[in-house]
Amino acid sequence: MADNNFLLAKFGKREHLEMLSEGYVYFNSISKYRNDTSNYRGDENEGKIPIDPICIQILDKNGQNIFEKIPRPDSVKLSHVDDDGILIFCTAMITEEILYNEGSHYVFNNEFKAAIKDFGEHVLLFNSGEFLSKLSKAQLYANPKFGYISGPIIYRDLNDYSNPNINVYNLTKSVFDPLFVKSEQYKMQNEWRLIVDGSDNYLPTNADGSYIIKIEKLEWANIFDIETFLEIFQYTP
């Protein structure tokens, strides 16, 4: 997926953000988010494709659709077998979608502030271009080798089964495409996501399913407490 040069904001504990600024990129497994019961970080539909229940068929031994005899389910989701270990790194993008024009400059809108207020007490502000450049450099010498894909999340109504909306799950013909689509209820988080995978084999994850890739220290990276960041940030075009 295409990437532009923009600011990224990673929210969390200060000690974790300091590690990221030093070049330790921490990836969680997708199962962590599927199993998280919070209403801001957790999402049981991560990477799953909604299917219109009207369209499903299961044939009995006589070739008849069993849903002609029993009620259809309220919802149907398609996902890949054993995909719980997929490794993802998530941040917010600082783009116009979350900014409010105050005339001479832009500030964060209230919807964004409300959407990310529970993600941590501090935030690391860094540059996507520098980050991906250093990740690509680390990729050249990594052992074990890894590949990655990155891009912004597409937000949609998960109950809209029309073709233009369903097609977003196959934009680049990659098996990872569904992981870049989420419910519109998360829209104001304005998420940018990075997914890594082993080039030759599965990456050797930690006991909790996480994985760390070491890149060079970020030269342009600043940590703020979240309250200060949300209130003093201004962008002047």
Protein backbone atom coordinates (compact mmCIF):
# COMPACT_ATOMS: atom_id res chain seq x y z
CA MET A 1 0.00 0.00 0.00
CA ALA A 2 1.23 3.48 -0.82
CA ASP A 3 2.79 5.61 1.90
CA ASN A 4 3.29 9.35 1.98
CA ASN A 5 5.48 11.43 4.24
CA PHE A 6 3.39 12.48 7.23
CA LEU A 7 3.48 12.58 11.02
CA LEU A 8 2.62 9.54 13.11
CA ALA A 9 1.54 9.56 16.75
CA LYS A 10 2.06 6.49 18.92
CA PHE A 11 0.25 6.55 22.27
CA GLY A 12 1.28 4.54 25.32
CA LYS A 13 3.54 4.39 28.35
CA ARG A 14 6.56 6.69 28.32
CA GLU A 15 9.09 3.86 28.77
CA HIS A 16 7.66 2.01 25.76
CA LEU A 17 7.71 5.13 23.61
CA GLU A 18 11.32 5.81 24.60
CA MET A 19 12.20 2.32 23.36
CA LEU A 20 10.45 3.02 20.06
CA SER A 21 12.36 6.28 19.62
CA GLU A 22 15.57 4.27 20.17
CA GLY A 23 14.53 1.97 17.33
CA TYR A 24 12.81 -0.95 19.05
CA VAL A 25 9.63 -1.53 17.05
CA TYR A 26 7.21 -3.70 19.02
CA PHE A 27 4.59 -5.75 17.18
CA ASN A 28 1.58 -7.40 18.79
CA SER A 29 -0.29 -10.38 17.41
CA ILE A 30 -3.72 -9.72 15.99
CA SER A 31 -5.20 -12.01 18.64
CA LYS A 32 -4.33 -9.39 21.28
CA TYR A 33 -6.78 -6.97 19.68
CA ARG A 34 -9.42 -9.57 18.88
CA ASN A 35 -9.45 -10.64 22.53
CA ASP A 36 -9.25 -7.13 24.03
CA THR A 37 -12.63 -6.26 25.56
CA SER A 38 -12.10 -2.49 25.68
CA ASN A 39 -14.31 -0.43 23.38
CA TYR A 40 -11.40 1.59 21.95
CA ARG A 41 -8.51 -0.85 21.40
CA GLY A 42 -10.34 -4.16 21.13
CA ASP A 43 -11.97 -5.29 17.89
CA GLU A 44 -13.17 -8.87 17.50
CA ASN A 45 -13.59 -8.26 13.75
CA GLU A 46 -9.89 -7.53 13.09
CA GLY A 47 -8.99 -8.98 9.69
CA LYS A 48 -12.40 -10.59 9.17
CA ILE A 49 -14.53 -10.07 6.07
CA PRO A 50 -18.28 -9.67 6.66
CA ILE A 51 -20.48 -11.83 4.44
CA ASP A 52 -24.12 -11.09 3.68
CA PRO A 53 -26.08 -13.81 5.55
CA ILE A 54 -28.63 -13.87 2.71
CA CYS A 55 -25.95 -15.16 0.34
CA ILE A 56 -24.63 -18.13 2.30
CA GLN A 57 -25.47 -21.72 1.48
CA ILE A 58 -24.73 -25.02 3.17
CA LEU A 59 -26.03 -27.98 1.22
CA ASP A 60 -27.31 -31.16 2.83
CA LYS A 61 -26.83 -34.64 1.35
CA ASN A 62 -29.75 -34.02 -0.99
CA GLY A 63 -28.25 -30.80 -2.32
CA GLN A 64 -30.72 -28.54 -0.54
CA ASN A 65 -29.68 -25.39 1.29
CA ILE A 66 -30.17 -26.05 5.01
CA PHE A 67 -31.07 -22.39 5.55
CA GLU A 68 -34.35 -23.07 3.80
CA LYS A 69 -35.24 -25.10 6.90
CA ILE A 70 -33.46 -23.32 9.73
CA PRO A 71 -32.96 -19.60 10.54
CA ARG A 72 -29.98 -17.86 8.99
CA PRO A 73 -27.31 -16.43 11.34
CA ASP A 74 -27.42 -12.71 12.06
CA SER A 75 -23.84 -12.24 10.88
CA VAL A 76 -21.20 -14.22 8.98
CA LYS A 77 -17.46 -13.50 8.98
CA LEU A 78 -14.71 -14.92 6.76
CA SER A 79 -11.14 -15.17 8.07
CA HIS A 80 -8.01 -17.18 7.36
CA VAL A 81 -7.22 -20.27 9.41
CA ASP A 82 -4.45 -19.74 12.01
CA ASP A 83 -4.20 -15.99 11.37
CA ASP A 84 -4.21 -15.06 15.07
CA GLY A 85 -0.41 -14.75 15.03
CA ILE A 86 -0.22 -12.03 12.37
CA LEU A 87 2.00 -9.22 13.70
CA ILE A 88 0.87 -5.60 13.58
CA PHE A 89 2.13 -2.19 14.71
CA CYS A 90 -0.48 0.57 14.99
CA THR A 91 -0.26 4.36 15.22
CA ALA A 92 -2.42 7.37 14.46
CA MET A 93 -1.82 9.56 11.40
CA ILE A 94 -1.77 13.33 11.75
CA THR A 95 -3.79 14.22 8.65
CA GLU A 96 -6.61 16.59 7.77
CA GLU A 97 -9.24 14.03 8.78
CA ILE A 98 -8.59 14.75 12.47
CA LEU A 99 -7.79 18.48 12.24
CA TYR A 100 -9.99 21.54 12.70
CA ASN A 101 -9.32 24.79 10.86
CA GLU A 102 -9.09 27.76 13.22
CA GLY A 103 -8.25 30.21 10.46
CA SER A 104 -4.49 30.69 10.57
CA HIS A 105 -3.74 27.17 11.76
CA TYR A 106 -5.18 23.72 12.45
CA VAL A 107 -5.74 21.97 15.78
CA PHE A 108 -7.03 18.51 16.69
CA ASN A 109 -10.77 18.15 16.49
CA ASN A 110 -12.75 17.00 19.51
CA GLU A 111 -13.69 13.68 17.93
CA PHE A 112 -10.04 12.67 17.62
CA LYS A 113 -9.31 13.75 21.19
CA ALA A 114 -12.16 11.60 22.46
CA ALA A 115 -11.14 8.61 20.32
CA ILE A 116 -7.55 8.36 21.58
CA LYS A 117 -7.77 9.69 25.15
CA ASP A 118 -7.56 6.21 26.72
CA PHE A 119 -4.59 4.88 24.75
CA GLY A 120 -1.93 6.07 27.16
CA GLU A 121 -0.57 8.98 29.14
CA HIS A 122 2.13 9.91 26.62
CA VAL A 123 2.57 10.14 22.86
CA LEU A 124 5.58 9.84 20.55
CA LEU A 125 5.41 12.06 17.48
CA PHE A 126 7.59 10.84 14.60
CA ASN A 127 7.89 10.89 10.82
CA SER A 128 6.55 8.09 8.61
CA GLY A 129 9.20 8.63 5.93
CA GLU A 130 12.13 8.31 8.32
CA PHE A 131 10.51 5.37 10.08
CA LEU A 132 9.92 3.35 6.91
CA SER A 133 13.34 4.24 5.51
CA LYS A 134 15.04 2.83 8.59
CA LEU A 135 12.78 -0.21 8.58
CA SER A 136 13.74 -0.90 4.96
CA LYS A 137 17.43 -0.58 5.88
CA ALA A 138 16.99 -3.02 8.78
CA GLN A 139 15.24 -5.41 6.40
CA LEU A 140 18.40 -5.74 4.30
CA TYR A 141 20.45 -7.22 7.15
CA ALA A 142 17.71 -8.88 9.24
CA ASN A 143 18.09 -12.43 10.48
CA PRO A 144 15.54 -13.92 10.26
CA LYS A 145 14.44 -12.08 7.13
CA PHE A 146 11.09 -10.29 7.13
CA GLY A 147 8.77 -8.56 4.74
CA TYR A 148 6.27 -5.82 5.52
CA ILE A 149 3.25 -3.96 4.23
CA SER A 150 1.90 -0.66 5.55
CA GLY A 151 -0.81 1.88 4.98
CA PRO A 152 -3.83 3.72 6.38
CA ILE A 153 -6.91 1.93 7.63
CA ILE A 154 -10.03 2.10 5.46
CA TYR A 155 -13.18 2.59 7.54
CA ARG A 156 -16.55 1.30 6.39
CA ASP A 157 -20.03 0.21 7.42
CA LEU A 158 -19.60 -3.52 8.06
CA ASN A 159 -23.26 -4.10 7.27
CA ASP A 160 -23.02 -2.63 3.78
CA TYR A 161 -22.54 -5.55 1.40
CA SER A 162 -22.59 -3.60 -1.88
CA ASN A 163 -19.73 -4.32 -4.27
CA PRO A 164 -17.79 -1.02 -3.87
CA ASN A 165 -17.61 -1.58 -0.12
CA ILE A 166 -16.76 -5.28 -0.21
CA ASN A 167 -14.01 -4.66 -2.79
CA VAL A 168 -11.89 -2.83 -0.21
CA TYR A 169 -10.96 -6.24 1.21
CA ASN A 170 -9.03 -7.05 -1.97
CA LEU A 171 -7.54 -3.74 -3.08
CA THR A 172 -3.97 -4.97 -3.65
CA LYS A 173 -4.76 -8.69 -4.04
CA SER A 174 -2.78 -9.33 -0.85
CA VAL A 175 -3.84 -11.79 1.82
CA PHE A 176 -3.28 -8.94 4.29
CA ASP A 177 -5.80 -6.55 2.66
CA PRO A 178 -8.61 -7.35 5.16
CA LEU A 179 -6.30 -6.21 7.97
CA PHE A 180 -6.45 -2.67 6.59
CA VAL A 181 -10.24 -2.43 6.89
CA LYS A 182 -12.14 -1.64 10.10
CA SER A 183 -15.59 -0.58 11.21
CA GLU A 184 -16.38 3.11 10.85
CA GLN A 185 -16.90 3.26 14.61
CA TYR A 186 -13.09 3.51 14.88
CA LYS A 187 -12.79 6.17 12.16
CA MET A 188 -11.61 9.03 14.35
CA GLN A 189 -8.60 7.02 15.53
CA ASN A 190 -7.24 7.68 12.01
CA GLU A 191 -5.01 4.63 12.18
CA TRP A 192 -1.94 3.77 10.14
CA ARG A 193 -0.78 0.18 10.34
CA LEU A 194 2.36 -1.85 9.69
CA ILE A 195 2.30 -5.64 9.27
CA VAL A 196 5.41 -7.85 9.24
CA ASP A 197 5.84 -11.48 8.29
CA GLY A 198 8.75 -13.86 7.90
CA SER A 199 10.16 -14.02 4.37
CA ASP A 200 11.31 -17.64 4.64
CA ASN A 201 9.46 -18.93 7.69
CA TYR A 202 7.41 -17.79 10.66
CA LEU A 203 9.12 -15.15 12.79
CA PRO A 204 10.21 -16.45 16.22
CA THR A 205 7.81 -14.55 18.47
CA ASN A 206 8.01 -14.09 22.23
CA ALA A 207 5.92 -16.16 24.63
CA ASP A 208 3.08 -13.62 24.47
CA GLY A 209 3.04 -13.68 20.65
CA SER A 210 4.84 -10.33 20.26
CA TYR A 211 7.91 -9.55 18.16
CA ILE A 212 10.52 -6.77 18.13
CA ILE A 213 12.45 -5.45 15.13
CA LYS A 214 15.46 -3.22 15.80
CA ILE A 215 15.95 -0.27 13.48
CA GLU A 216 18.26 2.71 13.78
CA LYS A 217 17.37 5.37 16.34
CA LEU A 218 14.76 7.85 15.11
CA GLU A 219 16.36 11.25 14.61
CA TRP A 220 13.05 13.11 14.50
CA ALA A 221 11.00 11.88 17.46
CA ASN A 222 9.49 13.77 20.39
CA ILE A 223 7.57 12.57 23.45
CA PHE A 224 4.79 14.62 25.02
CA ASP A 225 2.31 13.96 27.77
CA ILE A 226 -1.01 13.36 26.03
CA GLU A 227 -2.86 16.29 27.61
CA THR A 228 -0.21 18.79 26.53
CA PHE A 229 0.03 17.26 23.07
CA LEU A 230 -3.69 17.42 22.38
CA GLU A 231 -4.04 21.00 23.59
CA ILE A 232 -0.91 22.72 22.22
CA PHE A 233 -0.49 20.99 18.84
CA GLN A 234 -0.94 23.41 15.93
CA TYR A 235 -0.30 22.91 12.24
CA THR A 236 0.25 25.88 9.99
CA PRO A 237 0.13 25.08 6.25
